[in-house]
Amino acid sequence: MGFIILDEVKETRIWEGITARFFHSDNLTFGKVKIENGAILPEHSHPHEQFTKMLQGRLEFRIGDEMKLMEPGMVAHIPPGVPHSAKALTECFVFDCFNPVREDFKKLVE
């Protein structure tokens, strides 16, 4: 898969108010995530390294003990196993990248 058209990728519900269009290679999961205004990403952790790039909106993002207001252009790095959570202050769009592949997200699409 050399090129991907986002609108042709199935949208999948991840949590209440949070949907995504994910693509998977042999080594990573990459996706565009929509977070509705007021949606809460509950605190969780996973064994994957994660990068989140803010595309649109404002998001309160907590990684471990650090809280930041994420705005367009900012990138967050979440090391494996570190608890994190978020709350959308507006409708938000982010790109998420996970290594290794998020098998749980692959199963949601199937």
PDB file of N, CA and C in Angstrom:
ATOM      1  N   MET A   1       0.860  -1.170   0.000  1.00  0.00           N
ATOM      2  CA  MET A   1       0.000   0.000   0.000  1.00  0.00           C
ATOM      3  C   MET A   1       0.905   1.231   0.000  1.00  0.00           C
ATOM      4  N   GLY A   2       1.176   1.790  -1.194  1.00  0.00           N
ATOM      5  CA  GLY A   2       2.048   2.944  -1.297  1.00  0.00           C
ATOM      6  C   GLY A   2       1.369   4.258  -0.972  1.00  0.00           C
ATOM      7  N   PHE A   3       0.084   4.375  -1.318  1.00  0.00           N
ATOM      8  CA  PHE A   3      -0.660   5.609  -1.082  1.00  0.00           C
ATOM      9  C   PHE A   3      -2.005   5.264  -0.460  1.00  0.00           C
ATOM     10  N   ILE A   4      -2.476   6.164   0.401  1.00  0.00           N
ATOM     11  CA  ILE A   4      -3.727   5.931   1.115  1.00  0.00           C
ATOM     12  C   ILE A   4      -4.627   7.150   0.935  1.00  0.00           C
ATOM     13  N   ILE A   5      -5.883   6.904   0.609  1.00  0.00           N
ATOM     14  CA  ILE A   5      -6.879   7.979   0.546  1.00  0.00           C
ATOM     15  C   ILE A   5      -7.702   7.886   1.831  1.00  0.00           C
ATOM     16  N   LEU A   6      -7.531   8.872   2.699  1.00  0.00           N
ATOM     17  CA  LEU A   6      -8.163   8.829   4.028  1.00  0.00           C
ATOM     18  C   LEU A   6      -9.660   8.555   3.977  1.00  0.00           C
ATOM     19  N   ASP A   7     -10.370   9.210   3.077  1.00  0.00           N
ATOM     20  CA  ASP A   7     -11.823   9.051   3.021  1.00  0.00           C
ATOM     21  C   ASP A   7     -12.267   7.656   2.617  1.00  0.00           C
ATOM     22  N   GLU A   8     -11.343   6.847   2.096  1.00  0.00           N
ATOM     23  CA  GLU A   8     -11.690   5.487   1.698  1.00  0.00           C
ATOM     24  C   GLU A   8     -11.395   4.463   2.802  1.00  0.00           C
ATOM     25  N   VAL A   9     -10.783   4.917   3.898  1.00  0.00           N
ATOM     26  CA  VAL A   9     -10.485   4.032   5.025  1.00  0.00           C
ATOM     27  C   VAL A   9     -11.677   4.033   5.970  1.00  0.00           C
ATOM     28  N   LYS A  10     -12.088   2.850   6.388  1.00  0.00           N
ATOM     29  CA  LYS A  10     -13.243   2.725   7.279  1.00  0.00           C
ATOM     30  C   LYS A  10     -13.006   3.464   8.596  1.00  0.00           C
ATOM     31  N   GLU A  11     -13.995   4.258   9.006  1.00  0.00           N
ATOM     32  CA  GLU A  11     -13.935   4.953  10.295  1.00  0.00           C
ATOM     33  C   GLU A  11     -14.359   3.985  11.386  1.00  0.00           C
ATOM     34  N   THR A  12     -13.595   3.959  12.468  1.00  0.00           N
ATOM     35  CA  THR A  12     -13.826   3.023  13.567  1.00  0.00           C
ATOM     36  C   THR A  12     -13.980   3.791  14.876  1.00  0.00           C
ATOM     37  N   ARG A  13     -14.975   3.411  15.688  1.00  0.00           N
ATOM     38  CA  ARG A  13     -15.177   4.025  17.009  1.00  0.00           C
ATOM     39  C   ARG A  13     -14.172   3.414  17.987  1.00  0.00           C
ATOM     40  N   ILE A  14     -13.397   4.266  18.643  1.00  0.00           N
ATOM     41  CA  ILE A  14     -12.402   3.808  19.618  1.00  0.00           C
ATOM     42  C   ILE A  14     -12.969   3.913  21.033  1.00  0.00           C
ATOM     43  N   TRP A  15     -13.491   5.087  21.378  1.00  0.00           N
ATOM     44  CA  TRP A  15     -14.165   5.347  22.646  1.00  0.00           C
ATOM     45  C   TRP A  15     -15.342   6.255  22.340  1.00  0.00           C
ATOM     46  N   GLU A  16     -16.167   6.517  23.310  1.00  0.00           N
ATOM     47  CA  GLU A  16     -17.276   7.455  23.143  1.00  0.00           C
ATOM     48  C   GLU A  16     -16.724   8.806  22.694  1.00  0.00           C
ATOM     49  N   GLY A  17     -17.207   9.285  21.550  1.00  0.00           N
ATOM     50  CA  GLY A  17     -16.778  10.582  21.042  1.00  0.00           C
ATOM     51  C   GLY A  17     -15.443  10.583  20.321  1.00  0.00           C
ATOM     52  N   ILE A  18     -14.852   9.398  20.118  1.00  0.00           N
ATOM     53  CA  ILE A  18     -13.535   9.315  19.471  1.00  0.00           C
ATOM     54  C   ILE A  18     -13.582   8.251  18.371  1.00  0.00           C
ATOM     55  N   THR A  19     -13.339   8.686  17.133  1.00  0.00           N
ATOM     56  CA  THR A  19     -13.313   7.770  15.990  1.00  0.00           C
ATOM     57  C   THR A  19     -11.991   7.952  15.254  1.00  0.00           C
ATOM     58  N   ALA A  20     -11.623   6.932  14.475  1.00  0.00           N
ATOM     59  CA  ALA A  20     -10.342   6.993  13.776  1.00  0.00           C
ATOM     60  C   ALA A  20     -10.395   6.228  12.467  1.00  0.00           C
ATOM     61  N   ARG A  21      -9.494   6.606  11.591  1.00  0.00           N
ATOM     62  CA  ARG A  21      -9.237   5.879  10.348  1.00  0.00           C
ATOM     63  C   ARG A  21      -7.787   5.420  10.438  1.00  0.00           C
ATOM     64  N   PHE A  22      -7.588   4.123  10.710  1.00  0.00           N
ATOM     65  CA  PHE A  22      -6.251   3.570  10.931  1.00  0.00           C
ATOM     66  C   PHE A  22      -5.746   2.797   9.727  1.00  0.00           C
ATOM     67  N   PHE A  23      -4.428   2.822   9.539  1.00  0.00           N
ATOM     68  CA  PHE A  23      -3.743   1.996   8.551  1.00  0.00           C
ATOM     69  C   PHE A  23      -2.644   1.270   9.303  1.00  0.00           C
ATOM     70  N   HIS A  24      -2.313   0.076   8.854  1.00  0.00           N
ATOM     71  CA  HIS A  24      -1.328  -0.753   9.559  1.00  0.00           C
ATOM     72  C   HIS A  24      -0.303  -1.285   8.571  1.00  0.00           C
ATOM     73  N   SER A  25       0.966  -1.201   8.955  1.00  0.00           N
ATOM     74  CA  SER A  25       2.028  -1.862   8.205  1.00  0.00           C
ATOM     75  C   SER A  25       2.478  -3.045   9.046  1.00  0.00           C
ATOM     76  N   ASP A  26       3.573  -3.656   8.667  1.00  0.00           N
ATOM     77  CA  ASP A  26       4.106  -4.753   9.476  1.00  0.00           C
ATOM     78  C   ASP A  26       4.669  -4.249  10.794  1.00  0.00           C
ATOM     79  N   ASN A  27       5.018  -2.933  10.864  1.00  0.00           N
ATOM     80  CA  ASN A  27       5.722  -2.420  12.032  1.00  0.00           C
ATOM     81  C   ASN A  27       5.003  -1.346  12.827  1.00  0.00           C
ATOM     82  N   LEU A  28       4.004  -0.693  12.226  1.00  0.00           N
ATOM     83  CA  LEU A  28       3.362   0.387  12.976  1.00  0.00           C
ATOM     84  C   LEU A  28       1.912   0.572  12.570  1.00  0.00           C
ATOM     85  N   THR A  29       1.218   1.310  13.416  1.00  0.00           N
ATOM     86  CA  THR A  29      -0.162   1.721  13.161  1.00  0.00           C
ATOM     87  C   THR A  29      -0.156   3.245  13.092  1.00  0.00           C
ATOM     88  N   PHE A  30      -0.851   3.766  12.079  1.00  0.00           N
ATOM     89  CA  PHE A  30      -0.908   5.202  11.844  1.00  0.00           C
ATOM     90  C   PHE A  30      -2.362   5.554  11.578  1.00  0.00           C
ATOM     91  N   GLY A  31      -2.835   6.669  12.107  1.00  0.00           N
ATOM     92  CA  GLY A  31      -4.222   7.002  11.850  1.00  0.00           C
ATOM     93  C   GLY A  31      -4.578   8.443  12.121  1.00  0.00           C
ATOM     94  N   LYS A  32      -5.647   8.870  11.461  1.00  0.00           N
ATOM     95  CA  LYS A  32      -6.232  10.181  11.710  1.00  0.00           C
ATOM     96  C   LYS A  32      -7.397   9.982  12.660  1.00  0.00           C
ATOM     97  N   VAL A  33      -7.366  10.689  13.781  1.00  0.00           N
ATOM     98  CA  VAL A  33      -8.340  10.515  14.849  1.00  0.00           C
ATOM     99  C   VAL A  33      -9.172  11.786  14.994  1.00  0.00           C
ATOM    100  N   LYS A  34     -10.486  11.613  15.091  1.00  0.00           N
ATOM    101  CA  LYS A  34     -11.409  12.726  15.354  1.00  0.00           C
ATOM    102  C   LYS A  34     -11.882  12.603  16.797  1.00  0.00           C
ATOM    103  N   ILE A  35     -11.775  13.700  17.536  1.00  0.00           N
ATOM    104  CA  ILE A  35     -12.199  13.734  18.935  1.00  0.00           C
ATOM    105  C   ILE A  35     -13.258  14.827  19.054  1.00  0.00           C
ATOM    106  N   GLU A  36     -14.461  14.443  19.412  1.00  0.00           N
ATOM    107  CA  GLU A  36     -15.554  15.405  19.515  1.00  0.00           C
ATOM    108  C   GLU A  36     -15.324  16.369  20.672  1.00  0.00           C
ATOM    109  N   ASN A  37     -15.851  17.583  20.530  1.00  0.00           N
ATOM    110  CA  ASN A  37     -15.772  18.589  21.583  1.00  0.00           C
ATOM    111  C   ASN A  37     -16.303  17.999  22.891  1.00  0.00           C
ATOM    112  N   GLY A  38     -15.512  18.094  23.952  1.00  0.00           N
ATOM    113  CA  GLY A  38     -15.910  17.596  25.266  1.00  0.00           C
ATOM    114  C   GLY A  38     -15.606  16.127  25.510  1.00  0.00           C
ATOM    115  N   ALA A  39     -15.183  15.396  24.476  1.00  0.00           N
ATOM    116  CA  ALA A  39     -14.888  13.964  24.654  1.00  0.00           C
ATOM    117  C   ALA A  39     -13.686  13.784  25.570  1.00  0.00           C
ATOM    118  N   ILE A  40     -13.736  12.703  26.327  1.00  0.00           N
ATOM    119  CA  ILE A  40     -12.659  12.383  27.264  1.00  0.00           C
ATOM    120  C   ILE A  40     -12.028  11.062  26.873  1.00  0.00           C
ATOM    121  N   LEU A  41     -10.717  11.095  26.709  1.00  0.00           N
ATOM    122  CA  LEU A  41      -9.933   9.883  26.510  1.00  0.00           C
ATOM    123  C   LEU A  41      -9.515   9.425  27.899  1.00  0.00           C
ATOM    124  N   PRO A  42     -10.088   8.319  28.383  1.00  0.00           N
ATOM    125  CA  PRO A  42      -9.787   7.910  29.754  1.00  0.00           C
ATOM    126  C   PRO A  42      -8.319   7.535  29.930  1.00  0.00           C
ATOM    127  N   GLU A  43      -7.828   7.690  31.163  1.00  0.00           N
ATOM    128  CA  GLU A  43      -6.441   7.314  31.428  1.00  0.00           C
ATOM    129  C   GLU A  43      -6.239   5.845  31.080  1.00  0.00           C
ATOM    130  N   HIS A  44      -5.160   5.580  30.372  1.00  0.00           N
ATOM    131  CA  HIS A  44      -4.815   4.227  29.981  1.00  0.00           C
ATOM    132  C   HIS A  44      -3.332   4.185  29.647  1.00  0.00           C
ATOM    133  N   SER A  45      -2.825   3.007  29.443  1.00  0.00           N
ATOM    134  CA  SER A  45      -1.448   2.839  28.973  1.00  0.00           C
ATOM    135  C   SER A  45      -1.429   1.614  28.079  1.00  0.00           C
ATOM    136  N   HIS A  46      -0.364   1.482  27.324  1.00  0.00           N
ATOM    137  CA  HIS A  46      -0.210   0.338  26.421  1.00  0.00           C
ATOM    138  C   HIS A  46       1.279   0.129  26.178  1.00  0.00           C
ATOM    139  N   PRO A  47       1.650  -1.033  25.674  1.00  0.00           N
ATOM    140  CA  PRO A  47       3.075  -1.331  25.474  1.00  0.00           C
ATOM    141  C   PRO A  47       3.663  -0.692  24.218  1.00  0.00           C
ATOM    142  N   HIS A  48       2.894   0.140  23.541  1.00  0.00           N
ATOM    143  CA  HIS A  48       3.332   0.761  22.294  1.00  0.00           C
ATOM    144  C   HIS A  48       3.930   2.135  22.546  1.00  0.00           C
ATOM    145  N   GLU A  49       4.965   2.495  21.795  1.00  0.00           N
ATOM    146  CA  GLU A  49       5.422   3.873  21.750  1.00  0.00           C
ATOM    147  C   GLU A  49       4.423   4.624  20.880  1.00  0.00           C
ATOM    148  N   GLN A  50       4.092   5.859  21.249  1.00  0.00           N
ATOM    149  CA  GLN A  50       3.086   6.632  20.515  1.00  0.00           C
ATOM    150  C   GLN A  50       3.558   8.058  20.288  1.00  0.00           C
ATOM    151  N   PHE A  51       3.293   8.563  19.086  1.00  0.00           N
ATOM    152  CA  PHE A  51       3.441   9.972  18.776  1.00  0.00           C
ATOM    153  C   PHE A  51       2.071  10.488  18.359  1.00  0.00           C
ATOM    154  N   THR A  52       1.687  11.663  18.853  1.00  0.00           N
ATOM    155  CA  THR A  52       0.429  12.302  18.491  1.00  0.00           C
ATOM    156  C   THR A  52       0.733  13.705  17.986  1.00  0.00           C
ATOM    157  N   LYS A  53       0.335  13.993  16.743  1.00  0.00           N
ATOM    158  CA  LYS A  53       0.507  15.332  16.157  1.00  0.00           C
ATOM    159  C   LYS A  53      -0.848  16.007  16.090  1.00  0.00           C
ATOM    160  N   MET A  54      -0.942  17.159  16.710  1.00  0.00           N
ATOM    161  CA  MET A  54      -2.175  17.939  16.731  1.00  0.00           C
ATOM    162  C   MET A  54      -2.363  18.639  15.392  1.00  0.00           C
ATOM    163  N   LEU A  55      -3.491  18.352  14.728  1.00  0.00           N
ATOM    164  CA  LEU A  55      -3.796  18.966  13.438  1.00  0.00           C
ATOM    165  C   LEU A  55      -4.746  20.141  13.574  1.00  0.00           C
ATOM    166  N   GLN A  56      -5.771  19.965  14.424  1.00  0.00           N
ATOM    167  CA  GLN A  56      -6.823  20.977  14.556  1.00  0.00           C
ATOM    168  C   GLN A  56      -7.439  20.873  15.937  1.00  0.00           C
ATOM    169  N   GLY A  57      -7.760  22.021  16.528  1.00  0.00           N
ATOM    170  CA  GLY A  57      -8.461  22.040  17.810  1.00  0.00           C
ATOM    171  C   GLY A  57      -7.540  22.291  18.990  1.00  0.00           C
ATOM    172  N   ARG A  58      -8.121  22.118  20.180  1.00  0.00           N
ATOM    173  CA  ARG A  58      -7.403  22.302  21.447  1.00  0.00           C
ATOM    174  C   ARG A  58      -7.719  21.109  22.338  1.00  0.00           C
ATOM    175  N   LEU A  59      -6.677  20.519  22.906  1.00  0.00           N
ATOM    176  CA  LEU A  59      -6.795  19.275  23.655  1.00  0.00           C
ATOM    177  C   LEU A  59      -5.947  19.352  24.913  1.00  0.00           C
ATOM    178  N   GLU A  60      -6.575  19.138  26.077  1.00  0.00           N
ATOM    179  CA  GLU A  60      -5.795  18.987  27.317  1.00  0.00           C
ATOM    180  C   GLU A  60      -5.251  17.569  27.306  1.00  0.00           C
ATOM    181  N   PHE A  61      -3.939  17.431  27.344  1.00  0.00           N
ATOM    182  CA  PHE A  61      -3.302  16.121  27.208  1.00  0.00           C
ATOM    183  C   PHE A  61      -2.397  15.886  28.407  1.00  0.00           C
ATOM    184  N   ARG A  62      -2.603  14.778  29.095  1.00  0.00           N
ATOM    185  CA  ARG A  62      -1.768  14.418  30.247  1.00  0.00           C
ATOM    186  C   ARG A  62      -0.949  13.179  29.878  1.00  0.00           C
ATOM    187  N   ILE A  63       0.361  13.287  30.104  1.00  0.00           N
ATOM    188  CA  ILE A  63       1.275  12.153  29.935  1.00  0.00           C
ATOM    189  C   ILE A  63       1.993  11.993  31.262  1.00  0.00           C
ATOM    190  N   GLY A  64       1.744  10.892  31.951  1.00  0.00           N
ATOM    191  CA  GLY A  64       2.308  10.718  33.285  1.00  0.00           C
ATOM    192  C   GLY A  64       1.796  11.824  34.182  1.00  0.00           C
ATOM    193  N   ASP A  65       2.703  12.596  34.774  1.00  0.00           N
ATOM    194  CA  ASP A  65       2.329  13.702  35.670  1.00  0.00           C
ATOM    195  C   ASP A  65       2.315  15.056  34.971  1.00  0.00           C
ATOM    196  N   GLU A  66       2.577  15.086  33.666  1.00  0.00           N
ATOM    197  CA  GLU A  66       2.662  16.356  32.943  1.00  0.00           C
ATOM    198  C   GLU A  66       1.405  16.617  32.115  1.00  0.00           C
ATOM    199  N   MET A  67       0.833  17.809  32.260  1.00  0.00           N
ATOM    200  CA  MET A  67      -0.349  18.219  31.500  1.00  0.00           C
ATOM    201  C   MET A  67       0.054  19.366  30.581  1.00  0.00           C
ATOM    202  N   LYS A  68      -0.382  19.283  29.301  1.00  0.00           N
ATOM    203  CA  LYS A  68      -0.137  20.354  28.337  1.00  0.00           C
ATOM    204  C   LYS A  68      -1.415  20.640  27.573  1.00  0.00           C
ATOM    205  N   LEU A  69      -1.567  21.873  27.143  1.00  0.00           N
ATOM    206  CA  LEU A  69      -2.635  22.242  26.230  1.00  0.00           C
ATOM    207  C   LEU A  69      -2.061  22.052  24.828  1.00  0.00           C
ATOM    208  N   MET A  70      -2.579  21.068  24.110  1.00  0.00           N
ATOM    209  CA  MET A  70      -2.111  20.771  22.760  1.00  0.00           C
ATOM    210  C   MET A  70      -2.878  21.630  21.771  1.00  0.00           C
ATOM    211  N   GLU A  71      -2.148  22.264  20.857  1.00  0.00           N
ATOM    212  CA  GLU A  71      -2.719  23.074  19.796  1.00  0.00           C
ATOM    213  C   GLU A  71      -2.062  22.667  18.489  1.00  0.00           C
ATOM    214  N   PRO A  72      -2.635  23.068  17.342  1.00  0.00           N
ATOM    215  CA  PRO A  72      -2.085  22.640  16.051  1.00  0.00           C
ATOM    216  C   PRO A  72      -0.579  22.880  15.937  1.00  0.00           C
ATOM    217  N   GLY A  73       0.090  21.865  15.397  1.00  0.00           N
ATOM    218  CA  GLY A  73       1.534  21.922  15.208  1.00  0.00           C
ATOM    219  C   GLY A  73       2.317  21.247  16.313  1.00  0.00           C
ATOM    220  N   MET A  74       1.693  21.030  17.473  1.00  0.00           N
ATOM    221  CA  MET A  74       2.392  20.386  18.584  1.00  0.00           C
ATOM    222  C   MET A  74       2.392  18.871  18.399  1.00  0.00           C
ATOM    223  N   VAL A  75       3.421  18.232  18.952  1.00  0.00           N
ATOM    224  CA  VAL A  75       3.546  16.772  18.914  1.00  0.00           C
ATOM    225  C   VAL A  75       3.795  16.282  20.334  1.00  0.00           C
ATOM    226  N   ALA A  76       3.102  15.209  20.713  1.00  0.00           N
ATOM    227  CA  ALA A  76       3.311  14.567  22.014  1.00  0.00           C
ATOM    228  C   ALA A  76       3.959  13.206  21.787  1.00  0.00           C
ATOM    229  N   HIS A  77       4.882  12.844  22.671  1.00  0.00           N
ATOM    230  CA  HIS A  77       5.513  11.524  22.639  1.00  0.00           C
ATOM    231  C   HIS A  77       5.144  10.789  23.915  1.00  0.00           C
ATOM    232  N   ILE A  78       4.574   9.596  23.769  1.00  0.00           N
ATOM    233  CA  ILE A  78       4.195   8.770  24.913  1.00  0.00           C
ATOM    234  C   ILE A  78       5.038   7.503  24.882  1.00  0.00           C
ATOM    235  N   PRO A  79       5.962   7.343  25.828  1.00  0.00           N
ATOM    236  CA  PRO A  79       6.761   6.122  25.867  1.00  0.00           C
ATOM    237  C   PRO A  79       5.895   4.909  26.225  1.00  0.00           C
ATOM    238  N   PRO A  80       6.344   3.723  25.891  1.00  0.00           N
ATOM    239  CA  PRO A  80       5.584   2.509  26.230  1.00  0.00           C
ATOM    240  C   PRO A  80       5.285   2.432  27.730  1.00  0.00           C
ATOM    241  N   GLY A  81       4.045   2.063  28.059  1.00  0.00           N
ATOM    242  CA  GLY A  81       3.661   1.828  29.446  1.00  0.00           C
ATOM    243  C   GLY A  81       3.342   3.057  30.268  1.00  0.00           C
ATOM    244  N   VAL A  82       3.471   4.251  29.715  1.00  0.00           N
ATOM    245  CA  VAL A  82       3.216   5.476  30.489  1.00  0.00           C
ATOM    246  C   VAL A  82       1.727   5.827  30.417  1.00  0.00           C
ATOM    247  N   PRO A  83       1.069   6.006  31.570  1.00  0.00           N
ATOM    248  CA  PRO A  83      -0.347   6.377  31.573  1.00  0.00           C
ATOM    249  C   PRO A  83      -0.551   7.755  30.934  1.00  0.00           C
ATOM    250  N   HIS A  84      -1.642   7.891  30.176  1.00  0.00           N
ATOM    251  CA  HIS A  84      -1.975   9.161  29.548  1.00  0.00           C
ATOM    252  C   HIS A  84      -3.481   9.277  29.384  1.00  0.00           C
ATOM    253  N   SER A  85      -3.950  10.520  29.246  1.00  0.00           N
ATOM    254  CA  SER A  85      -5.381  10.800  29.110  1.00  0.00           C
ATOM    255  C   SER A  85      -5.525  12.150  28.420  1.00  0.00           C
ATOM    256  N   ALA A  86      -6.756  12.462  27.995  1.00  0.00           N
ATOM    257  CA  ALA A  86      -6.975  13.737  27.317  1.00  0.00           C
ATOM    258  C   ALA A  86      -8.434  14.151  27.428  1.00  0.00           C
ATOM    259  N   LYS A  87      -8.653  15.464  27.234  1.00  0.00           N
ATOM    260  CA  LYS A  87     -10.008  16.008  27.161  1.00  0.00           C
ATOM    261  C   LYS A  87     -10.027  17.043  26.041  1.00  0.00           C
ATOM    262  N   ALA A  88     -10.981  16.910  25.118  1.00  0.00           N
ATOM    263  CA  ALA A  88     -11.105  17.839  24.000  1.00  0.00           C
ATOM    264  C   ALA A  88     -11.813  19.111  24.455  1.00  0.00           C
ATOM    265  N   LEU A  89     -11.175  20.253  24.245  1.00  0.00           N
ATOM    266  CA  LEU A  89     -11.783  21.545  24.554  1.00  0.00           C
ATOM    267  C   LEU A  89     -12.550  22.087  23.353  1.00  0.00           C
ATOM    268  N   THR A  90     -12.277  21.523  22.181  1.00  0.00           N
ATOM    269  CA  THR A  90     -12.974  21.817  20.930  1.00  0.00           C
ATOM    270  C   THR A  90     -12.993  20.511  20.139  1.00  0.00           C
ATOM    271  N   GLU A  91     -13.643  20.501  18.993  1.00  0.00           N
ATOM    272  CA  GLU A  91     -13.479  19.349  18.110  1.00  0.00           C
ATOM    273  C   GLU A  91     -12.014  19.306  17.690  1.00  0.00           C
ATOM    274  N   CYS A  92     -11.425  18.116  17.725  1.00  0.00           N
ATOM    275  CA  CYS A  92      -9.998  17.970  17.439  1.00  0.00           C
ATOM    276  C   CYS A  92      -9.760  16.907  16.377  1.00  0.00           C
ATOM    277  N   PHE A  93      -8.694  17.100  15.632  1.00  0.00           N
ATOM    278  CA  PHE A  93      -8.174  16.083  14.729  1.00  0.00           C
ATOM    279  C   PHE A  93      -6.694  15.931  15.026  1.00  0.00           C
ATOM    280  N   VAL A  94      -6.242  14.678  15.168  1.00  0.00           N
ATOM    281  CA  VAL A  94      -4.832  14.378  15.412  1.00  0.00           C
ATOM    282  C   VAL A  94      -4.398  13.233  14.502  1.00  0.00           C
ATOM    283  N   PHE A  95      -3.097  13.161  14.261  1.00  0.00           N
ATOM    284  CA  PHE A  95      -2.510  11.967  13.670  1.00  0.00           C
ATOM    285  C   PHE A  95      -1.821  11.219  14.795  1.00  0.00           C
ATOM    286  N   ASP A  96      -2.109   9.926  14.927  1.00  0.00           N
ATOM    287  CA  ASP A  96      -1.457   9.063  15.907  1.00  0.00           C
ATOM    288  C   ASP A  96      -0.599   8.039  15.179  1.00  0.00           C
ATOM    289  N   CYS A  97       0.577   7.767  15.738  1.00  0.00           N
ATOM    290  CA  CYS A  97       1.463   6.738  15.203  1.00  0.00           C
ATOM    291  C   CYS A  97       1.912   5.861  16.365  1.00  0.00           C
ATOM    292  N   PHE A  98       1.770   4.547  16.207  1.00  0.00           N
ATOM    293  CA  PHE A  98       2.111   3.577  17.253  1.00  0.00           C
ATOM    294  C   PHE A  98       3.116   2.566  16.717  1.00  0.00           C
ATOM    295  N   ASN A  99       4.078   2.211  17.565  1.00  0.00           N
ATOM    296  CA  ASN A  99       5.021   1.148  17.255  1.00  0.00           C
ATOM    297  C   ASN A  99       5.159   0.271  18.490  1.00  0.00           C
ATOM    298  N   PRO A 100       4.971  -1.037  18.387  1.00  0.00           N
ATOM    299  CA  PRO A 100       4.602  -1.791  17.194  1.00  0.00           C
ATOM    300  C   PRO A 100       3.120  -1.620  16.843  1.00  0.00           C
ATOM    301  N   VAL A 101       2.675  -2.409  15.886  1.00  0.00           N
ATOM    302  CA  VAL A 101       1.292  -2.359  15.401  1.00  0.00           C
ATOM    303  C   VAL A 101       0.314  -2.540  16.562  1.00  0.00           C
ATOM    304  N   ARG A 102      -0.782  -1.763  16.538  1.00  0.00           N
ATOM    305  CA  ARG A 102      -1.859  -1.910  17.515  1.00  0.00           C
ATOM    306  C   ARG A 102      -2.802  -3.008  17.031  1.00  0.00           C
ATOM    307  N   GLU A 103      -2.529  -4.229  17.446  1.00  0.00           N
ATOM    308  CA  GLU A 103      -3.359  -5.371  17.038  1.00  0.00           C
ATOM    309  C   GLU A 103      -4.800  -5.194  17.512  1.00  0.00           C
ATOM    310  N   ASP A 104      -4.989  -4.537  18.681  1.00  0.00           N
ATOM    311  CA  ASP A 104      -6.351  -4.309  19.178  1.00  0.00           C
ATOM    312  C   ASP A 104      -7.134  -3.399  18.237  1.00  0.00           C
ATOM    313  N   PHE A 105      -6.492  -2.404  17.648  1.00  0.00           N
ATOM    314  CA  PHE A 105      -7.171  -1.531  16.695  1.00  0.00           C
ATOM    315  C   PHE A 105      -7.443  -2.253  15.376  1.00  0.00           C
ATOM    316  N   LYS A 106      -6.521  -3.121  14.967  1.00  0.00           N
ATOM    317  CA  LYS A 106      -6.747  -3.911  13.748  1.00  0.00           C
ATOM    318  C   LYS A 106      -8.013  -4.756  13.904  1.00  0.00           C
ATOM    319  N   LYS A 107      -8.187  -5.340  15.079  1.00  0.00           N
ATOM    320  CA  LYS A 107      -9.362  -6.189  15.343  1.00  0.00           C
ATOM    321  C   LYS A 107     -10.660  -5.383  15.328  1.00  0.00           C
ATOM    322  N   LEU A 108     -10.612  -4.125  15.773  1.00  0.00           N
ATOM    323  CA  LEU A 108     -11.815  -3.282  15.766  1.00  0.00           C
ATOM    324  C   LEU A 108     -12.329  -3.059  14.346  1.00  0.00           C
ATOM    325  N   VAL A 109     -11.426  -2.992  13.384  1.00  0.00           N
ATOM    326  CA  VAL A 109     -11.804  -2.736  11.998  1.00  0.00           C
ATOM    327  C   VAL A 109     -12.369  -3.990  11.336  1.00  0.00           C
ATOM    328  N   GLU A 110     -11.932  -5.152  11.769  1.00  0.00           N
ATOM    329  CA  GLU A 110     -12.361  -6.415  11.143  1.00  0.00           C
ATOM    330  C   GLU A 110     -13.817  -6.733  11.411  1.00  0.00           C
TER     331      GLU A 110
END
